[in-house]
């Protein structure tokens, strides 16, 4: 039903935002040295 679908969408978007925030270093990309 629409409530379950909305809840799943909110969970997925929250998880994506958390991963994005965790990888954010003050707006700068993380330095990679080869």
ModelCIF file with pLDDT and N, C-alpha, C, O atoms, coordinates in Angstrom:
data_MODEL
#
_entry.id   MODEL 
#
_entity.id                         1 
_entity.type                       polymer 
_entity.pdbx_number_of_molecules   1 
#
_entity_poly.entity_id                      1 
_entity_poly.type                           'polypeptide(L)' 
_entity_poly.nstd_linkage                   no 
_entity_poly.nstd_monomer                   no 
_entity_poly.pdbx_seq_one_letter_code       
;(UNK)(UNK)(UNK)(UNK)(UNK)(UNK)(UNK)(UNK)(UNK)(UNK)(UNK)(UNK)(UNK)(UNK)(UNK)(UNK)
(UNK)(UNK)(UNK)(UNK)(UNK)(UNK)(UNK)(UNK)(UNK)(UNK)(UNK)(UNK)(UNK)(UNK)(UNK)(UNK)
(UNK)(UNK)
;
_entity_poly.pdbx_seq_one_letter_code_can   XXXXXXXXXXXXXXXXXXXXXXXXXXXXXXXXXX 
_entity_poly.pdbx_strand_id                 A 
#
loop_
_entity_poly_seq.entity_id 
_entity_poly_seq.num 
_entity_poly_seq.mon_id 
_entity_poly_seq.hetero 
1 1  UNK n 
1 2  UNK n 
1 3  UNK n 
1 4  UNK n 
1 5  UNK n 
1 6  UNK n 
1 7  UNK n 
1 8  UNK n 
1 9  UNK n 
1 10 UNK n 
1 11 UNK n 
1 12 UNK n 
1 13 UNK n 
1 14 UNK n 
1 15 UNK n 
1 16 UNK n 
1 17 UNK n 
1 18 UNK n 
1 19 UNK n 
1 20 UNK n 
1 21 UNK n 
1 22 UNK n 
1 23 UNK n 
1 24 UNK n 
1 25 UNK n 
1 26 UNK n 
1 27 UNK n 
1 28 UNK n 
1 29 UNK n 
1 30 UNK n 
1 31 UNK n 
1 32 UNK n 
1 33 UNK n 
1 34 UNK n 
#
_struct_asym.id          A 
_struct_asym.entity_id   1 
#
loop_
_ma_qa_metric.id 
_ma_qa_metric.mode 
_ma_qa_metric.name 
_ma_qa_metric.software_group_id 
_ma_qa_metric.type 
1 global pLDDT . pLDDT 
2 local  pLDDT . pLDDT 
#
_ma_qa_metric_global.metric_id      1 
_ma_qa_metric_global.metric_value   61.18 
_ma_qa_metric_global.model_id       1 
_ma_qa_metric_global.ordinal_id     1 
#
loop_
_ma_qa_metric_local.label_asym_id 
_ma_qa_metric_local.label_comp_id 
_ma_qa_metric_local.label_seq_id 
_ma_qa_metric_local.metric_id 
_ma_qa_metric_local.metric_value 
_ma_qa_metric_local.model_id 
_ma_qa_metric_local.ordinal_id 
A UNK 1  2 72.00 1 1  
A UNK 2  2 71.00 1 2  
A UNK 3  2 70.00 1 3  
A UNK 4  2 67.00 1 4  
A UNK 5  2 68.00 1 5  
A UNK 6  2 68.00 1 6  
A UNK 7  2 62.00 1 7  
A UNK 8  2 69.00 1 8  
A UNK 9  2 65.00 1 9  
A UNK 10 2 61.00 1 10 
A UNK 11 2 56.00 1 11 
A UNK 12 2 56.00 1 12 
A UNK 13 2 57.00 1 13 
A UNK 14 2 52.00 1 14 
A UNK 15 2 52.00 1 15 
A UNK 16 2 49.00 1 16 
A UNK 17 2 46.00 1 17 
A UNK 18 2 45.00 1 18 
A UNK 19 2 43.00 1 19 
A UNK 20 2 42.00 1 20 
A UNK 21 2 40.00 1 21 
A UNK 22 2 42.00 1 22 
A UNK 23 2 47.00 1 23 
A UNK 24 2 47.00 1 24 
A UNK 25 2 47.00 1 25 
A UNK 26 2 52.00 1 26 
A UNK 27 2 49.00 1 27 
A UNK 28 2 56.00 1 28 
A UNK 29 2 59.00 1 29 
A UNK 30 2 84.00 1 30 
A UNK 31 2 93.00 1 31 
A UNK 32 2 97.00 1 32 
A UNK 33 2 98.00 1 33 
A UNK 34 2 98.00 1 34 
#
loop_
_atom_site.group_PDB 
_atom_site.id 
_atom_site.type_symbol 
_atom_site.label_atom_id 
_atom_site.label_alt_id 
_atom_site.label_comp_id 
_atom_site.label_asym_id 
_atom_site.label_entity_id 
_atom_site.label_seq_id 
_atom_site.pdbx_PDB_ins_code 
_atom_site.Cartn_x 
_atom_site.Cartn_y 
_atom_site.Cartn_z 
_atom_site.occupancy 
_atom_site.B_iso_or_equiv 
_atom_site.pdbx_formal_charge 
_atom_site.auth_seq_id 
_atom_site.auth_comp_id 
_atom_site.auth_asym_id 
_atom_site.auth_atom_id 
_atom_site.pdbx_PDB_model_num 
ATOM 1   N N  . UNK A 1 1  ? 0.844  -1.187 0.000  1.00 72.00 ? 1  UNK A N  1 
ATOM 2   C CA . UNK A 1 1  ? 0.000  0.000  0.000  1.00 72.00 ? 1  UNK A CA 1 
ATOM 3   C C  . UNK A 1 1  ? 0.883  1.241  0.000  1.00 72.00 ? 1  UNK A C  1 
ATOM 4   O O  . UNK A 1 1  ? 2.100  1.133  0.151  1.00 72.00 ? 1  UNK A O  1 
ATOM 5   N N  . UNK A 1 2  ? 0.308  2.376  -0.161 1.00 71.00 ? 2  UNK A N  1 
ATOM 6   C CA . UNK A 1 2  ? 1.073  3.608  -0.323 1.00 71.00 ? 2  UNK A CA 1 
ATOM 7   C C  . UNK A 1 2  ? 1.902  3.944  0.917  1.00 71.00 ? 2  UNK A C  1 
ATOM 8   O O  . UNK A 1 2  ? 2.976  4.530  0.782  1.00 71.00 ? 2  UNK A O  1 
ATOM 9   N N  . UNK A 1 3  ? 1.447  3.596  2.105  1.00 70.00 ? 3  UNK A N  1 
ATOM 10  C CA . UNK A 1 3  ? 2.209  3.885  3.328  1.00 70.00 ? 3  UNK A CA 1 
ATOM 11  C C  . UNK A 1 3  ? 3.500  3.063  3.367  1.00 70.00 ? 3  UNK A C  1 
ATOM 12  O O  . UNK A 1 3  ? 4.556  3.577  3.735  1.00 70.00 ? 3  UNK A O  1 
ATOM 13  N N  . UNK A 1 4  ? 3.411  1.810  2.994  1.00 67.00 ? 4  UNK A N  1 
ATOM 14  C CA . UNK A 1 4  ? 4.601  0.952  2.979  1.00 67.00 ? 4  UNK A CA 1 
ATOM 15  C C  . UNK A 1 4  ? 5.579  1.442  1.929  1.00 67.00 ? 4  UNK A C  1 
ATOM 16  O O  . UNK A 1 4  ? 6.779  1.523  2.192  1.00 67.00 ? 4  UNK A O  1 
ATOM 17  N N  . UNK A 1 5  ? 5.094  1.765  0.761  1.00 68.00 ? 5  UNK A N  1 
ATOM 18  C CA . UNK A 1 5  ? 5.965  2.240  -0.308 1.00 68.00 ? 5  UNK A CA 1 
ATOM 19  C C  . UNK A 1 5  ? 6.644  3.539  0.103  1.00 68.00 ? 5  UNK A C  1 
ATOM 20  O O  . UNK A 1 5  ? 7.845  3.694  -0.115 1.00 68.00 ? 5  UNK A O  1 
ATOM 21  N N  . UNK A 1 6  ? 5.903  4.481  0.695  1.00 68.00 ? 6  UNK A N  1 
ATOM 22  C CA . UNK A 1 6  ? 6.498  5.742  1.158  1.00 68.00 ? 6  UNK A CA 1 
ATOM 23  C C  . UNK A 1 6  ? 7.563  5.489  2.210  1.00 68.00 ? 6  UNK A C  1 
ATOM 24  O O  . UNK A 1 6  ? 8.624  6.112  2.178  1.00 68.00 ? 6  UNK A O  1 
ATOM 25  N N  . UNK A 1 7  ? 7.298  4.587  3.139  1.00 62.00 ? 7  UNK A N  1 
ATOM 26  C CA . UNK A 1 7  ? 8.262  4.289  4.206  1.00 62.00 ? 7  UNK A CA 1 
ATOM 27  C C  . UNK A 1 7  ? 9.555  3.715  3.614  1.00 62.00 ? 7  UNK A C  1 
ATOM 28  O O  . UNK A 1 7  ? 10.650 4.076  4.046  1.00 62.00 ? 7  UNK A O  1 
ATOM 29  N N  . UNK A 1 8  ? 9.427  2.827  2.633  1.00 69.00 ? 8  UNK A N  1 
ATOM 30  C CA . UNK A 1 8  ? 10.604 2.245  1.989  1.00 69.00 ? 8  UNK A CA 1 
ATOM 31  C C  . UNK A 1 8  ? 11.397 3.328  1.258  1.00 69.00 ? 8  UNK A C  1 
ATOM 32  O O  . UNK A 1 8  ? 12.624 3.357  1.344  1.00 69.00 ? 8  UNK A O  1 
ATOM 33  N N  . UNK A 1 9  ? 10.716 4.209  0.547  1.00 65.00 ? 9  UNK A N  1 
ATOM 34  C CA . UNK A 1 9  ? 11.390 5.293  -0.176 1.00 65.00 ? 9  UNK A CA 1 
ATOM 35  C C  . UNK A 1 9  ? 12.129 6.204  0.797  1.00 65.00 ? 9  UNK A C  1 
ATOM 36  O O  . UNK A 1 9  ? 13.267 6.595  0.532  1.00 65.00 ? 9  UNK A O  1 
ATOM 37  N N  . UNK A 1 10 ? 11.506 6.544  1.907  1.00 61.00 ? 10 UNK A N  1 
ATOM 38  C CA . UNK A 1 10 ? 12.153 7.402  2.908  1.00 61.00 ? 10 UNK A CA 1 
ATOM 39  C C  . UNK A 1 10 ? 13.387 6.718  3.489  1.00 61.00 ? 10 UNK A C  1 
ATOM 40  O O  . UNK A 1 10 ? 14.420 7.363  3.672  1.00 61.00 ? 10 UNK A O  1 
ATOM 41  N N  . UNK A 1 11 ? 13.293 5.421  3.780  1.00 56.00 ? 11 UNK A N  1 
ATOM 42  C CA . UNK A 1 11 ? 14.444 4.688  4.310  1.00 56.00 ? 11 UNK A CA 1 
ATOM 43  C C  . UNK A 1 11 ? 15.593 4.660  3.312  1.00 56.00 ? 11 UNK A C  1 
ATOM 44  O O  . UNK A 1 11 ? 16.745 4.881  3.683  1.00 56.00 ? 11 UNK A O  1 
ATOM 45  N N  . UNK A 1 12 ? 15.288 4.392  2.059  1.00 56.00 ? 12 UNK A N  1 
ATOM 46  C CA . UNK A 1 12 ? 16.330 4.330  1.030  1.00 56.00 ? 12 UNK A CA 1 
ATOM 47  C C  . UNK A 1 12 ? 16.972 5.701  0.842  1.00 56.00 ? 12 UNK A C  1 
ATOM 48  O O  . UNK A 1 12 ? 18.195 5.797  0.734  1.00 56.00 ? 12 UNK A O  1 
ATOM 49  N N  . UNK A 1 13 ? 16.177 6.751  0.803  1.00 57.00 ? 13 UNK A N  1 
ATOM 50  C CA . UNK A 1 13 ? 16.728 8.096  0.628  1.00 57.00 ? 13 UNK A CA 1 
ATOM 51  C C  . UNK A 1 13 ? 17.563 8.508  1.841  1.00 57.00 ? 13 UNK A C  1 
ATOM 52  O O  . UNK A 1 13 ? 18.595 9.161  1.682  1.00 57.00 ? 13 UNK A O  1 
ATOM 53  N N  . UNK A 1 14 ? 17.140 8.141  3.031  1.00 52.00 ? 14 UNK A N  1 
ATOM 54  C CA . UNK A 1 14 ? 17.901 8.457  4.240  1.00 52.00 ? 14 UNK A CA 1 
ATOM 55  C C  . UNK A 1 14 ? 19.241 7.740  4.234  1.00 52.00 ? 14 UNK A C  1 
ATOM 56  O O  . UNK A 1 14 ? 20.266 8.327  4.582  1.00 52.00 ? 14 UNK A O  1 
ATOM 57  N N  . UNK A 1 15 ? 19.236 6.476  3.838  1.00 52.00 ? 15 UNK A N  1 
ATOM 58  C CA . UNK A 1 15 ? 20.480 5.717  3.779  1.00 52.00 ? 15 UNK A CA 1 
ATOM 59  C C  . UNK A 1 15 ? 21.426 6.319  2.742  1.00 52.00 ? 15 UNK A C  1 
ATOM 60  O O  . UNK A 1 15 ? 22.626 6.430  2.992  1.00 52.00 ? 15 UNK A O  1 
ATOM 61  N N  . UNK A 1 16 ? 20.903 6.704  1.593  1.00 49.00 ? 16 UNK A N  1 
ATOM 62  C CA . UNK A 1 16 ? 21.736 7.315  0.554  1.00 49.00 ? 16 UNK A CA 1 
ATOM 63  C C  . UNK A 1 16 ? 22.319 8.634  1.034  1.00 49.00 ? 16 UNK A C  1 
ATOM 64  O O  . UNK A 1 16 ? 23.484 8.928  0.766  1.00 49.00 ? 16 UNK A O  1 
ATOM 65  N N  . UNK A 1 17 ? 21.530 9.430  1.737  1.00 46.00 ? 17 UNK A N  1 
ATOM 66  C CA . UNK A 1 17 ? 22.024 10.703 2.267  1.00 46.00 ? 17 UNK A CA 1 
ATOM 67  C C  . UNK A 1 17 ? 23.102 10.468 3.314  1.00 46.00 ? 17 UNK A C  1 
ATOM 68  O O  . UNK A 1 17 ? 24.082 11.211 3.363  1.00 46.00 ? 17 UNK A O  1 
ATOM 69  N N  . UNK A 1 18 ? 22.942 9.457  4.144  1.00 45.00 ? 18 UNK A N  1 
ATOM 70  C CA . UNK A 1 18 ? 23.943 9.155  5.178  1.00 45.00 ? 18 UNK A CA 1 
ATOM 71  C C  . UNK A 1 18 ? 25.259 8.725  4.549  1.00 45.00 ? 18 UNK A C  1 
ATOM 72  O O  . UNK A 1 18 ? 26.324 9.138  5.006  1.00 45.00 ? 18 UNK A O  1 
ATOM 73  N N  . UNK A 1 19 ? 25.202 7.904  3.511  1.00 43.00 ? 19 UNK A N  1 
ATOM 74  C CA . UNK A 1 19 ? 26.422 7.465  2.821  1.00 43.00 ? 19 UNK A CA 1 
ATOM 75  C C  . UNK A 1 19 ? 27.087 8.656  2.156  1.00 43.00 ? 19 UNK A C  1 
ATOM 76  O O  . UNK A 1 19 ? 28.309 8.794  2.217  1.00 43.00 ? 19 UNK A O  1 
ATOM 77  N N  . UNK A 1 20 ? 26.311 9.509  1.527  1.00 42.00 ? 20 UNK A N  1 
ATOM 78  C CA . UNK A 1 20 ? 26.857 10.693 0.877  1.00 42.00 ? 20 UNK A CA 1 
ATOM 79  C C  . UNK A 1 20 ? 27.510 11.613 1.898  1.00 42.00 ? 20 UNK A C  1 
ATOM 80  O O  . UNK A 1 20 ? 28.600 12.127 1.651  1.00 42.00 ? 20 UNK A O  1 
ATOM 81  N N  . UNK A 1 21 ? 26.869 11.827 3.030  1.00 40.00 ? 21 UNK A N  1 
ATOM 82  C CA . UNK A 1 21 ? 27.406 12.686 4.079  1.00 40.00 ? 21 UNK A CA 1 
ATOM 83  C C  . UNK A 1 21 ? 28.685 12.104 4.657  1.00 40.00 ? 21 UNK A C  1 
ATOM 84  O O  . UNK A 1 21 ? 29.633 12.845 4.916  1.00 40.00 ? 21 UNK A O  1 
ATOM 85  N N  . UNK A 1 22 ? 28.730 10.795 4.863  1.00 42.00 ? 22 UNK A N  1 
ATOM 86  C CA . UNK A 1 22 ? 29.916 10.151 5.431  1.00 42.00 ? 22 UNK A CA 1 
ATOM 87  C C  . UNK A 1 22 ? 31.110 10.294 4.508  1.00 42.00 ? 22 UNK A C  1 
ATOM 88  O O  . UNK A 1 22 ? 32.239 10.399 4.988  1.00 42.00 ? 22 UNK A O  1 
ATOM 89  N N  . UNK A 1 23 ? 30.899 10.303 3.205  1.00 47.00 ? 23 UNK A N  1 
ATOM 90  C CA . UNK A 1 23 ? 31.993 10.433 2.266  1.00 47.00 ? 23 UNK A CA 1 
ATOM 91  C C  . UNK A 1 23 ? 32.379 11.870 1.974  1.00 47.00 ? 23 UNK A C  1 
ATOM 92  O O  . UNK A 1 23 ? 33.353 12.114 1.262  1.00 47.00 ? 23 UNK A O  1 
ATOM 93  N N  . UNK A 1 24 ? 31.630 12.828 2.514  1.00 47.00 ? 24 UNK A N  1 
ATOM 94  C CA . UNK A 1 24 ? 31.874 14.234 2.266  1.00 47.00 ? 24 UNK A CA 1 
ATOM 95  C C  . UNK A 1 24 ? 32.952 14.747 3.200  1.00 47.00 ? 24 UNK A C  1 
ATOM 96  O O  . UNK A 1 24 ? 32.834 14.608 4.417  1.00 47.00 ? 24 UNK A O  1 
ATOM 97  N N  . UNK A 1 25 ? 33.981 15.326 2.658  1.00 47.00 ? 25 UNK A N  1 
ATOM 98  C CA . UNK A 1 25 ? 35.059 15.898 3.458  1.00 47.00 ? 25 UNK A CA 1 
ATOM 99  C C  . UNK A 1 25 ? 34.996 17.412 3.323  1.00 47.00 ? 25 UNK A C  1 
ATOM 100 O O  . UNK A 1 25 ? 35.884 18.015 2.721  1.00 47.00 ? 25 UNK A O  1 
ATOM 101 N N  . UNK A 1 26 ? 33.955 18.036 3.877  1.00 52.00 ? 26 UNK A N  1 
ATOM 102 C CA . UNK A 1 26 ? 33.851 19.488 3.819  1.00 52.00 ? 26 UNK A CA 1 
ATOM 103 C C  . UNK A 1 26 ? 33.645 19.997 2.406  1.00 52.00 ? 26 UNK A C  1 
ATOM 104 O O  . UNK A 1 26 ? 34.116 21.083 2.069  1.00 52.00 ? 26 UNK A O  1 
ATOM 105 N N  . UNK A 1 27 ? 32.953 19.241 1.575  1.00 49.00 ? 27 UNK A N  1 
ATOM 106 C CA . UNK A 1 27 ? 32.696 19.669 0.215  1.00 49.00 ? 27 UNK A CA 1 
ATOM 107 C C  . UNK A 1 27 ? 33.842 19.352 -0.746 1.00 49.00 ? 27 UNK A C  1 
ATOM 108 O O  . UNK A 1 27 ? 33.730 19.595 -1.948 1.00 49.00 ? 27 UNK A O  1 
ATOM 109 N N  . UNK A 1 28 ? 34.941 18.812 -0.223 1.00 56.00 ? 28 UNK A N  1 
ATOM 110 C CA . UNK A 1 28 ? 36.082 18.476 -1.065 1.00 56.00 ? 28 UNK A CA 1 
ATOM 111 C C  . UNK A 1 28 ? 36.125 16.970 -1.294 1.00 56.00 ? 28 UNK A C  1 
ATOM 112 O O  . UNK A 1 28 ? 35.817 16.195 -0.388 1.00 56.00 ? 28 UNK A O  1 
ATOM 113 N N  . UNK A 1 29 ? 36.503 16.553 -2.497 1.00 59.00 ? 29 UNK A N  1 
ATOM 114 C CA . UNK A 1 29 ? 36.629 15.116 -2.732 1.00 59.00 ? 29 UNK A CA 1 
ATOM 115 C C  . UNK A 1 29 ? 37.774 14.543 -1.903 1.00 59.00 ? 29 UNK A C  1 
ATOM 116 O O  . UNK A 1 29 ? 38.761 15.226 -1.631 1.00 59.00 ? 29 UNK A O  1 
ATOM 117 N N  . UNK A 1 30 ? 37.631 13.294 -1.510 1.00 84.00 ? 30 UNK A N  1 
ATOM 118 C CA . UNK A 1 30 ? 38.668 12.637 -0.731 1.00 84.00 ? 30 UNK A CA 1 
ATOM 119 C C  . UNK A 1 30 ? 39.913 12.451 -1.600 1.00 84.00 ? 30 UNK A C  1 
ATOM 120 O O  . UNK A 1 30 ? 39.814 12.066 -2.765 1.00 84.00 ? 30 UNK A O  1 
ATOM 121 N N  . UNK A 1 31 ? 41.081 12.725 -1.025 1.00 93.00 ? 31 UNK A N  1 
ATOM 122 C CA . UNK A 1 31 ? 42.334 12.603 -1.753 1.00 93.00 ? 31 UNK A CA 1 
ATOM 123 C C  . UNK A 1 31 ? 42.663 11.133 -1.980 1.00 93.00 ? 31 UNK A C  1 
ATOM 124 O O  . UNK A 1 31 ? 42.567 10.317 -1.063 1.00 93.00 ? 31 UNK A O  1 
ATOM 125 N N  . UNK A 1 32 ? 43.050 10.805 -3.200 1.00 97.00 ? 32 UNK A N  1 
ATOM 126 C CA . UNK A 1 32 ? 43.470 9.448  -3.558 1.00 97.00 ? 32 UNK A CA 1 
ATOM 127 C C  . UNK A 1 32 ? 44.894 9.531  -4.082 1.00 97.00 ? 32 UNK A C  1 
ATOM 128 O O  . UNK A 1 32 ? 45.187 10.298 -5.000 1.00 97.00 ? 32 UNK A O  1 
ATOM 129 N N  . UNK A 1 33 ? 45.777 8.734  -3.491 1.00 98.00 ? 33 UNK A N  1 
ATOM 130 C CA . UNK A 1 33 ? 47.171 8.684  -3.924 1.00 98.00 ? 33 UNK A CA 1 
ATOM 131 C C  . UNK A 1 33 ? 47.414 7.302  -4.525 1.00 98.00 ? 33 UNK A C  1 
ATOM 132 O O  . UNK A 1 33 ? 47.193 6.283  -3.871 1.00 98.00 ? 33 UNK A O  1 
ATOM 133 N N  . UNK A 1 34 ? 47.869 7.277  -5.771 1.00 98.00 ? 34 UNK A N  1 
ATOM 134 C CA . UNK A 1 34 ? 48.122 6.007  -6.467 1.00 98.00 ? 34 UNK A CA 1 
ATOM 135 C C  . UNK A 1 34 ? 49.572 5.595  -6.253 1.00 98.00 ? 34 UNK A C  1 
ATOM 136 O O  . UNK A 1 34 ? 49.998 4.554  -6.754 1.00 98.00 ? 34 UNK A O  1 
#
